[in-house]
Amino acid sequence: MPPKFYTLAEVAAIFRVSKRVFAQFIADKPFYRTIGRAKLFTDQDIAQLYEAMESPSKALSAPALPAQSSEHARVAALMSRALRKKAKQIGR
C-alpha cells in the first residue's frame, strides 16, 4: 500500500500551528519530500518532526553557570561591602 502524503497545511493543522510557524519550524529539518515547490509529509515524517520538537522539560532546565574565579568572587564581595556601606551612609 503506498504511503499517505500530507501537505504542509495539513501537517500544520495536525500540530495546531499556522502554516507560517510550521514552515519556520521545518526550515532546518529535512523530514519531508518535495514535488516542485510543494512539501509532502508521510506519517513517518510527521513522527520524526514530533521527536524533533523541543520538550518543555528540556527547555526549562537552566544552563549551568560558569564557575566563578576567585578574582570574580573577591570583586563581588568588595562591591557588596561598598554597597552596604553606601546604603548606611544614605540612611543616616
PDB file of N, CA and C in Angstrom:
ATOM      1  N   MET A   1       0.858  -1.185   0.000  1.00  0.00           N
ATOM      2  CA  MET A   1       0.000   0.000   0.000  1.00  0.00           C
ATOM      3  C   MET A   1       0.900   1.243   0.000  1.00  0.00           C
ATOM      4  N   PRO A   2       0.661   2.174  -0.901  1.00  0.00           N
ATOM      5  CA  PRO A   2       1.504   3.383  -0.954  1.00  0.00           C
ATOM      6  C   PRO A   2       1.279   4.257   0.282  1.00  0.00           C
ATOM      7  N   PRO A   3       2.316   4.995   0.672  1.00  0.00           N
ATOM      8  CA  PRO A   3       2.158   5.853   1.862  1.00  0.00           C
ATOM      9  C   PRO A   3       1.186   6.996   1.583  1.00  0.00           C
ATOM     10  N   LYS A   4       0.537   7.440   2.645  1.00  0.00           N
ATOM     11  CA  LYS A   4      -0.360   8.584   2.529  1.00  0.00           C
ATOM     12  C   LYS A   4       0.485   9.842   2.686  1.00  0.00           C
ATOM     13  N   PHE A   5       0.268  10.807   1.812  1.00  0.00           N
ATOM     14  CA  PHE A   5       1.001  12.069   1.878  1.00  0.00           C
ATOM     15  C   PHE A   5       0.102  13.178   2.394  1.00  0.00           C
ATOM     16  N   TYR A   6       0.704  14.064   3.193  1.00  0.00           N
ATOM     17  CA  TYR A   6       0.005  15.221   3.750  1.00  0.00           C
ATOM     18  C   TYR A   6       0.699  16.489   3.257  1.00  0.00           C
ATOM     19  N   THR A   7      -0.064  17.538   3.050  1.00  0.00           N
ATOM     20  CA  THR A   7       0.514  18.820   2.642  1.00  0.00           C
ATOM     21  C   THR A   7       1.016  19.571   3.865  1.00  0.00           C
ATOM     22  N   LEU A   8       1.749  20.634   3.619  1.00  0.00           N
ATOM     23  CA  LEU A   8       2.255  21.464   4.714  1.00  0.00           C
ATOM     24  C   LEU A   8       1.088  22.002   5.554  1.00  0.00           C
ATOM     25  N   ALA A   9       0.032  22.437   4.897  1.00  0.00           N
ATOM     26  CA  ALA A   9      -1.124  22.969   5.628  1.00  0.00           C
ATOM     27  C   ALA A   9      -1.776  21.897   6.501  1.00  0.00           C
ATOM     28  N   GLU A  10      -1.869  20.671   5.987  1.00  0.00           N
ATOM     29  CA  GLU A  10      -2.480  19.587   6.767  1.00  0.00           C
ATOM     30  C   GLU A  10      -1.636  19.235   7.988  1.00  0.00           C
ATOM     31  N   VAL A  11      -0.324  19.179   7.805  1.00  0.00           N
ATOM     32  CA  VAL A  11       0.548  18.840   8.934  1.00  0.00           C
ATOM     33  C   VAL A  11       0.570  19.988   9.943  1.00  0.00           C
ATOM     34  N   ALA A  12       0.566  21.218   9.470  1.00  0.00           N
ATOM     35  CA  ALA A  12       0.492  22.362  10.381  1.00  0.00           C
ATOM     36  C   ALA A  12      -0.776  22.265  11.224  1.00  0.00           C
ATOM     37  N   ALA A  13      -1.875  21.866  10.613  1.00  0.00           N
ATOM     38  CA  ALA A  13      -3.131  21.712  11.351  1.00  0.00           C
ATOM     39  C   ALA A  13      -3.022  20.585  12.380  1.00  0.00           C
ATOM     40  N   ILE A  14      -2.326  19.505  12.037  1.00  0.00           N
ATOM     41  CA  ILE A  14      -2.115  18.402  12.993  1.00  0.00           C
ATOM     42  C   ILE A  14      -1.364  18.915  14.214  1.00  0.00           C
ATOM     43  N   PHE A  15      -0.337  19.752  13.987  1.00  0.00           N
ATOM     44  CA  PHE A  15       0.449  20.316  15.089  1.00  0.00           C
ATOM     45  C   PHE A  15      -0.228  21.534  15.720  1.00  0.00           C
ATOM     46  N   ARG A  16      -1.347  21.952  15.150  1.00  0.00           N
ATOM     47  CA  ARG A  16      -2.136  23.080  15.660  1.00  0.00           C
ATOM     48  C   ARG A  16      -1.364  24.396  15.676  1.00  0.00           C
ATOM     49  N   VAL A  17      -0.644  24.637  14.575  1.00  0.00           N
ATOM     50  CA  VAL A  17       0.068  25.899  14.389  1.00  0.00           C
ATOM     51  C   VAL A  17      -0.240  26.411  12.987  1.00  0.00           C
ATOM     52  N   SER A  18       0.108  27.661  12.734  1.00  0.00           N
ATOM     53  CA  SER A  18      -0.118  28.224  11.404  1.00  0.00           C
ATOM     54  C   SER A  18       0.871  27.637  10.405  1.00  0.00           C
ATOM     55  N   LYS A  19       0.539  27.778   9.123  1.00  0.00           N
ATOM     56  CA  LYS A  19       1.454  27.300   8.081  1.00  0.00           C
ATOM     57  C   LYS A  19       2.797  28.018   8.176  1.00  0.00           C
ATOM     58  N   ARG A  20       2.757  29.302   8.491  1.00  0.00           N
ATOM     59  CA  ARG A  20       3.993  30.082   8.588  1.00  0.00           C
ATOM     60  C   ARG A  20       4.884  29.582   9.725  1.00  0.00           C
ATOM     61  N   VAL A  21       4.306  29.365  10.896  1.00  0.00           N
ATOM     62  CA  VAL A  21       5.074  28.858  12.040  1.00  0.00           C
ATOM     63  C   VAL A  21       5.650  27.482  11.713  1.00  0.00           C
ATOM     64  N   PHE A  22       4.838  26.631  11.091  1.00  0.00           N
ATOM     65  CA  PHE A  22       5.305  25.287  10.761  1.00  0.00           C
ATOM     66  C   PHE A  22       6.417  25.332   9.717  1.00  0.00           C
ATOM     67  N   ALA A  23       6.299  26.204   8.719  1.00  0.00           N
ATOM     68  CA  ALA A  23       7.342  26.337   7.692  1.00  0.00           C
ATOM     69  C   ALA A  23       8.661  26.780   8.325  1.00  0.00           C
ATOM     70  N   GLN A  24       8.586  27.667   9.308  1.00  0.00           N
ATOM     71  CA  GLN A  24       9.797  28.092  10.008  1.00  0.00           C
ATOM     72  C   GLN A  24      10.387  26.938  10.813  1.00  0.00           C
ATOM     73  N   PHE A  25       9.537  26.140  11.431  1.00  0.00           N
ATOM     74  CA  PHE A  25       9.983  25.004  12.244  1.00  0.00           C
ATOM     75  C   PHE A  25      10.721  23.972  11.394  1.00  0.00           C
ATOM     76  N   ILE A  26      10.210  23.689  10.185  1.00  0.00           N
ATOM     77  CA  ILE A  26      10.821  22.636   9.364  1.00  0.00           C
ATOM     78  C   ILE A  26      11.988  23.141   8.512  1.00  0.00           C
ATOM     79  N   ALA A  27      12.279  24.430   8.566  1.00  0.00           N
ATOM     80  CA  ALA A  27      13.317  25.006   7.706  1.00  0.00           C
ATOM     81  C   ALA A  27      14.649  24.268   7.816  1.00  0.00           C
ATOM     82  N   ASP A  28      15.000  23.805   9.004  1.00  0.00           N
ATOM     83  CA  ASP A  28      16.285  23.109   9.186  1.00  0.00           C
ATOM     84  C   ASP A  28      16.098  21.616   9.486  1.00  0.00           C
ATOM     85  N   LYS A  29      14.905  21.100   9.175  1.00  0.00           N
ATOM     86  CA  LYS A  29      14.614  19.684   9.425  1.00  0.00           C
ATOM     87  C   LYS A  29      14.192  19.038   8.095  1.00  0.00           C
ATOM     88  N   PRO A  30      14.990  18.133   7.550  1.00  0.00           N
ATOM     89  CA  PRO A  30      14.698  17.562   6.230  1.00  0.00           C
ATOM     90  C   PRO A  30      13.725  16.378   6.256  1.00  0.00           C
ATOM     91  N   PHE A  31      12.680  16.462   7.057  1.00  0.00           N
ATOM     92  CA  PHE A  31      11.747  15.341   7.180  1.00  0.00           C
ATOM     93  C   PHE A  31      10.527  15.550   6.285  1.00  0.00           C
ATOM     94  N   TYR A  32      10.756  15.654   4.984  1.00  0.00           N
ATOM     95  CA  TYR A  32       9.668  15.791   4.028  1.00  0.00           C
ATOM     96  C   TYR A  32      10.204  15.500   2.633  1.00  0.00           C
ATOM     97  N   ARG A  33       9.292  15.373   1.676  1.00  0.00           N
ATOM     98  CA  ARG A  33       9.660  15.199   0.272  1.00  0.00           C
ATOM     99  C   ARG A  33       9.111  16.395  -0.494  1.00  0.00           C
ATOM    100  N   THR A  34       9.705  16.681  -1.628  1.00  0.00           N
ATOM    101  CA  THR A  34       9.205  17.804  -2.422  1.00  0.00           C
ATOM    102  C   THR A  34       8.805  17.340  -3.818  1.00  0.00           C
ATOM    103  N   ILE A  35       7.785  17.960  -4.318  1.00  0.00           N
ATOM    104  CA  ILE A  35       7.386  17.837  -5.714  1.00  0.00           C
ATOM    105  C   ILE A  35       7.221  19.272  -6.183  1.00  0.00           C
ATOM    106  N   GLY A  36       8.145  19.714  -7.008  1.00  0.00           N
ATOM    107  CA  GLY A  36       8.154  21.126  -7.380  1.00  0.00           C
ATOM    108  C   GLY A  36       8.459  21.941  -6.135  1.00  0.00           C
ATOM    109  N   ARG A  37       7.591  22.877  -5.821  1.00  0.00           N
ATOM    110  CA  ARG A  37       7.765  23.681  -4.608  1.00  0.00           C
ATOM    111  C   ARG A  37       6.935  23.152  -3.438  1.00  0.00           C
ATOM    112  N   ALA A  38       6.108  22.134  -3.700  1.00  0.00           N
ATOM    113  CA  ALA A  38       5.238  21.587  -2.656  1.00  0.00           C
ATOM    114  C   ALA A  38       6.020  20.628  -1.766  1.00  0.00           C
ATOM    115  N   LYS A  39       5.810  20.752  -0.463  1.00  0.00           N
ATOM    116  CA  LYS A  39       6.413  19.839   0.512  1.00  0.00           C
ATOM    117  C   LYS A  39       5.344  18.829   0.917  1.00  0.00           C
ATOM    118  N   LEU A  40       5.713  17.551   0.856  1.00  0.00           N
ATOM    119  CA  LEU A  40       4.783  16.482   1.230  1.00  0.00           C
ATOM    120  C   LEU A  40       5.368  15.684   2.381  1.00  0.00           C
ATOM    121  N   PHE A  41       4.494  15.237   3.276  1.00  0.00           N
ATOM    122  CA  PHE A  41       4.906  14.558   4.504  1.00  0.00           C
ATOM    123  C   PHE A  41       4.207  13.211   4.613  1.00  0.00           C
ATOM    124  N   THR A  42       4.948  12.197   5.075  1.00  0.00           N
ATOM    125  CA  THR A  42       4.361  10.887   5.362  1.00  0.00           C
ATOM    126  C   THR A  42       4.125  10.800   6.873  1.00  0.00           C
ATOM    127  N   ASP A  43       3.467   9.732   7.294  1.00  0.00           N
ATOM    128  CA  ASP A  43       3.266   9.520   8.731  1.00  0.00           C
ATOM    129  C   ASP A  43       4.612   9.428   9.454  1.00  0.00           C
ATOM    130  N   GLN A  44       5.601   8.784   8.817  1.00  0.00           N
ATOM    131  CA  GLN A  44       6.934   8.672   9.420  1.00  0.00           C
ATOM    132  C   GLN A  44       7.591  10.049   9.544  1.00  0.00           C
ATOM    133  N   ASP A  45       7.429  10.885   8.531  1.00  0.00           N
ATOM    134  CA  ASP A  45       7.985  12.246   8.584  1.00  0.00           C
ATOM    135  C   ASP A  45       7.367  13.026   9.755  1.00  0.00           C
ATOM    136  N   ILE A  46       6.063  12.887   9.926  1.00  0.00           N
ATOM    137  CA  ILE A  46       5.366  13.587  10.999  1.00  0.00           C
ATOM    138  C   ILE A  46       5.881  13.110  12.356  1.00  0.00           C
ATOM    139  N   ALA A  47       6.088  11.801  12.483  1.00  0.00           N
ATOM    140  CA  ALA A  47       6.617  11.252  13.739  1.00  0.00           C
ATOM    141  C   ALA A  47       8.018  11.803  14.011  1.00  0.00           C
ATOM    142  N   GLN A  48       8.861  11.894  12.976  1.00  0.00           N
ATOM    143  CA  GLN A  48      10.213  12.423  13.152  1.00  0.00           C
ATOM    144  C   GLN A  48      10.180  13.907  13.524  1.00  0.00           C
ATOM    145  N   LEU A  49       9.267  14.654  12.940  1.00  0.00           N
ATOM    146  CA  LEU A  49       9.132  16.069  13.297  1.00  0.00           C
ATOM    147  C   LEU A  49       8.678  16.217  14.747  1.00  0.00           C
ATOM    148  N   TYR A  50       7.772  15.341  15.167  1.00  0.00           N
ATOM    149  CA  TYR A  50       7.326  15.372  16.559  1.00  0.00           C
ATOM    150  C   TYR A  50       8.504  15.123  17.500  1.00  0.00           C
ATOM    151  N   GLU A  51       9.340  14.136  17.171  1.00  0.00           N
ATOM    152  CA  GLU A  51      10.501  13.828  18.006  1.00  0.00           C
ATOM    153  C   GLU A  51      11.513  14.978  18.008  1.00  0.00           C
ATOM    154  N   ALA A  52      11.548  15.748  16.928  1.00  0.00           N
ATOM    155  CA  ALA A  52      12.494  16.863  16.827  1.00  0.00           C
ATOM    156  C   ALA A  52      12.025  18.092  17.619  1.00  0.00           C
ATOM    157  N   MET A  53      10.775  18.077  18.055  1.00  0.00           N
ATOM    158  CA  MET A  53      10.259  19.200  18.841  1.00  0.00           C
ATOM    159  C   MET A  53      10.961  19.249  20.190  1.00  0.00           C
ATOM    160  N   GLU A  54      11.168  20.465  20.676  1.00  0.00           N
ATOM    161  CA  GLU A  54      11.807  20.632  21.978  1.00  0.00           C
ATOM    162  C   GLU A  54      10.824  20.277  23.080  1.00  0.00           C
ATOM    163  N   SER A  55      11.288  19.497  24.021  1.00  0.00           N
ATOM    164  CA  SER A  55      10.460  19.104  25.155  1.00  0.00           C
ATOM    165  C   SER A  55      10.474  20.216  26.195  1.00  0.00           C
ATOM    166  N   PRO A  56       9.316  20.585  26.766  1.00  0.00           N
ATOM    167  CA  PRO A  56       9.309  21.633  27.789  1.00  0.00           C
ATOM    168  C   PRO A  56      10.226  21.314  28.968  1.00  0.00           C
ATOM    169  N   SER A  57      10.335  20.047  29.334  1.00  0.00           N
ATOM    170  CA  SER A  57      11.196  19.707  30.471  1.00  0.00           C
ATOM    171  C   SER A  57      12.655  20.009  30.151  1.00  0.00           C
ATOM    172  N   LYS A  58      13.066  19.842  28.892  1.00  0.00           N
ATOM    173  CA  LYS A  58      14.432  20.177  28.499  1.00  0.00           C
ATOM    174  C   LYS A  58      14.605  21.690  28.417  1.00  0.00           C
ATOM    175  N   ALA A  59      13.564  22.381  27.958  1.00  0.00           N
ATOM    176  CA  ALA A  59      13.661  23.827  27.778  1.00  0.00           C
ATOM    177  C   ALA A  59      13.703  24.560  29.117  1.00  0.00           C
ATOM    178  N   LEU A  60      13.090  23.977  30.142  1.00  0.00           N
ATOM    179  CA  LEU A  60      13.032  24.651  31.435  1.00  0.00           C
ATOM    180  C   LEU A  60      14.282  24.470  32.271  1.00  0.00           C
ATOM    181  N   SER A  61      15.094  23.487  31.935  1.00  0.00           N
ATOM    182  CA  SER A  61      16.290  23.292  32.745  1.00  0.00           C
ATOM    183  C   SER A  61      17.280  24.410  32.444  1.00  0.00           C
ATOM    184  N   ALA A  62      17.726  25.056  33.494  1.00  0.00           N
ATOM    185  CA  ALA A  62      18.619  26.201  33.344  1.00  0.00           C
ATOM    186  C   ALA A  62      20.012  25.744  32.945  1.00  0.00           C
ATOM    187  N   PRO A  63      20.650  26.508  32.087  1.00  0.00           N
ATOM    188  CA  PRO A  63      22.019  26.139  31.728  1.00  0.00           C
ATOM    189  C   PRO A  63      22.944  26.305  32.930  1.00  0.00           C
ATOM    190  N   ALA A  64      23.958  25.499  32.971  1.00  0.00           N
ATOM    191  CA  ALA A  64      24.910  25.580  34.072  1.00  0.00           C
ATOM    192  C   ALA A  64      25.656  26.905  34.002  1.00  0.00           C
ATOM    193  N   LEU A  65      25.791  27.536  35.137  1.00  0.00           N
ATOM    194  CA  LEU A  65      26.521  28.794  35.192  1.00  0.00           C
ATOM    195  C   LEU A  65      28.017  28.514  35.200  1.00  0.00           C
ATOM    196  N   PRO A  66      28.782  29.375  34.551  1.00  0.00           N
ATOM    197  CA  PRO A  66      30.223  29.150  34.571  1.00  0.00           C
ATOM    198  C   PRO A  66      30.774  29.335  35.977  1.00  0.00           C
ATOM    199  N   ALA A  67      31.788  28.575  36.294  1.00  0.00           N
ATOM    200  CA  ALA A  67      32.404  28.683  37.611  1.00  0.00           C
ATOM    201  C   ALA A  67      33.068  30.048  37.754  1.00  0.00           C
ATOM    202  N   GLN A  68      32.894  30.651  38.906  1.00  0.00           N
ATOM    203  CA  GLN A  68      33.497  31.956  39.137  1.00  0.00           C
ATOM    204  C   GLN A  68      34.940  31.785  39.584  1.00  0.00           C
ATOM    205  N   SER A  69      35.775  32.673  39.114  1.00  0.00           N
ATOM    206  CA  SER A  69      37.160  32.653  39.561  1.00  0.00           C
ATOM    207  C   SER A  69      37.242  33.293  40.941  1.00  0.00           C
ATOM    208  N   SER A  70      38.327  33.071  41.634  1.00  0.00           N
ATOM    209  CA  SER A  70      38.483  33.676  42.957  1.00  0.00           C
ATOM    210  C   SER A  70      38.515  35.199  42.831  1.00  0.00           C
ATOM    211  N   GLU A  71      39.046  35.710  41.733  1.00  0.00           N
ATOM    212  CA  GLU A  71      39.058  37.154  41.496  1.00  0.00           C
ATOM    213  C   GLU A  71      37.634  37.681  41.347  1.00  0.00           C
ATOM    214  N   HIS A  72      36.819  36.919  40.658  1.00  0.00           N
ATOM    215  CA  HIS A  72      35.415  37.279  40.481  1.00  0.00           C
ATOM    216  C   HIS A  72      34.715  37.360  41.838  1.00  0.00           C
ATOM    217  N   ALA A  73      34.937  36.349  42.659  1.00  0.00           N
ATOM    218  CA  ALA A  73      34.324  36.304  43.988  1.00  0.00           C
ATOM    219  C   ALA A  73      34.819  37.461  44.854  1.00  0.00           C
ATOM    220  N   ARG A  74      36.117  37.788  44.771  1.00  0.00           N
ATOM    221  CA  ARG A  74      36.684  38.884  45.559  1.00  0.00           C
ATOM    222  C   ARG A  74      36.056  40.215  45.158  1.00  0.00           C
ATOM    223  N   VAL A  75      35.919  40.452  43.860  1.00  0.00           N
ATOM    224  CA  VAL A  75      35.314  41.700  43.368  1.00  0.00           C
ATOM    225  C   VAL A  75      33.850  41.774  43.789  1.00  0.00           C
ATOM    226  N   ALA A  76      33.140  40.658  43.715  1.00  0.00           N
ATOM    227  CA  ALA A  76      31.735  40.636  44.121  1.00  0.00           C
ATOM    228  C   ALA A  76      31.598  40.964  45.607  1.00  0.00           C
ATOM    229  N   ALA A  77      32.488  40.418  46.430  1.00  0.00           N
ATOM    230  CA  ALA A  77      32.447  40.693  47.876  1.00  0.00           C
ATOM    231  C   ALA A  77      32.744  42.163  48.150  1.00  0.00           C
ATOM    232  N   LEU A  78      33.734  42.735  47.454  1.00  0.00           N
ATOM    233  CA  LEU A  78      34.063  44.154  47.630  1.00  0.00           C
ATOM    234  C   LEU A  78      32.892  45.047  47.224  1.00  0.00           C
ATOM    235  N   MET A  79      32.253  44.721  46.118  1.00  0.00           N
ATOM    236  CA  MET A  79      31.096  45.510  45.657  1.00  0.00           C
ATOM    237  C   MET A  79      29.957  45.424  46.664  1.00  0.00           C
ATOM    238  N   SER A  80      29.735  44.241  47.183  1.00  0.00           N
ATOM    239  CA  SER A  80      28.668  44.057  48.158  1.00  0.00           C
ATOM    240  C   SER A  80      28.930  44.900  49.406  1.00  0.00           C
ATOM    241  N   ARG A  81      30.168  44.877  49.909  1.00  0.00           N
ATOM    242  CA  ARG A  81      30.525  45.695  51.080  1.00  0.00           C
ATOM    243  C   ARG A  81      30.363  47.168  50.789  1.00  0.00           C
ATOM    244  N   ALA A  82      30.820  47.605  49.624  1.00  0.00           N
ATOM    245  CA  ALA A  82      30.730  49.021  49.256  1.00  0.00           C
ATOM    246  C   ALA A  82      29.272  49.468  49.175  1.00  0.00           C
ATOM    247  N   LEU A  83      28.424  48.620  48.618  1.00  0.00           N
ATOM    248  CA  LEU A  83      27.003  48.971  48.513  1.00  0.00           C
ATOM    249  C   LEU A  83      26.343  49.039  49.881  1.00  0.00           C
ATOM    250  N   ARG A  84      26.681  48.105  50.773  1.00  0.00           N
ATOM    251  CA  ARG A  84      26.118  48.149  52.136  1.00  0.00           C
ATOM    252  C   ARG A  84      26.569  49.411  52.856  1.00  0.00           C
ATOM    253  N   LYS A  85      27.861  49.760  52.707  1.00  0.00           N
ATOM    254  CA  LYS A  85      28.398  50.955  53.354  1.00  0.00           C
ATOM    255  C   LYS A  85      27.696  52.204  52.830  1.00  0.00           C
ATOM    256  N   LYS A  86      27.488  52.268  51.515  1.00  0.00           N
ATOM    257  CA  LYS A  86      26.822  53.429  50.911  1.00  0.00           C
ATOM    258  C   LYS A  86      25.374  53.500  51.389  1.00  0.00           C
ATOM    259  N   ALA A  87      24.716  52.355  51.507  1.00  0.00           N
ATOM    260  CA  ALA A  87      23.330  52.340  51.969  1.00  0.00           C
ATOM    261  C   ALA A  87      23.234  52.855  53.404  1.00  0.00           C
ATOM    262  N   LYS A  88      24.215  52.514  54.266  1.00  0.00           N
ATOM    263  CA  LYS A  88      24.226  53.004  55.645  1.00  0.00           C
ATOM    264  C   LYS A  88      24.409  54.508  55.673  1.00  0.00           C
ATOM    265  N   GLN A  89      25.320  55.028  54.797  1.00  0.00           N
ATOM    266  CA  GLN A  89      25.584  56.455  54.751  1.00  0.00           C
ATOM    267  C   GLN A  89      24.337  57.219  54.317  1.00  0.00           C
ATOM    268  N   ILE A  90      23.619  56.692  53.347  1.00  0.00           N
ATOM    269  CA  ILE A  90      22.412  57.354  52.860  1.00  0.00           C
ATOM    270  C   ILE A  90      21.327  57.323  53.909  1.00  0.00           C
ATOM    271  N   GLY A  91      21.253  56.248  54.688  1.00  0.00           N
ATOM    272  CA  GLY A  91      20.232  56.086  55.711  1.00  0.00           C
ATOM    273  C   GLY A  91      20.412  56.983  56.921  1.00  0.00           C
ATOM    274  N   ARG A  92      21.549  57.611  57.115  1.00  0.00           N
ATOM    275  CA  ARG A  92      21.806  58.452  58.301  1.00  0.00           C
ATOM    276  C   ARG A  92      20.980  59.671  58.340  1.00  0.00           C
TER     277      ARG A  92
END
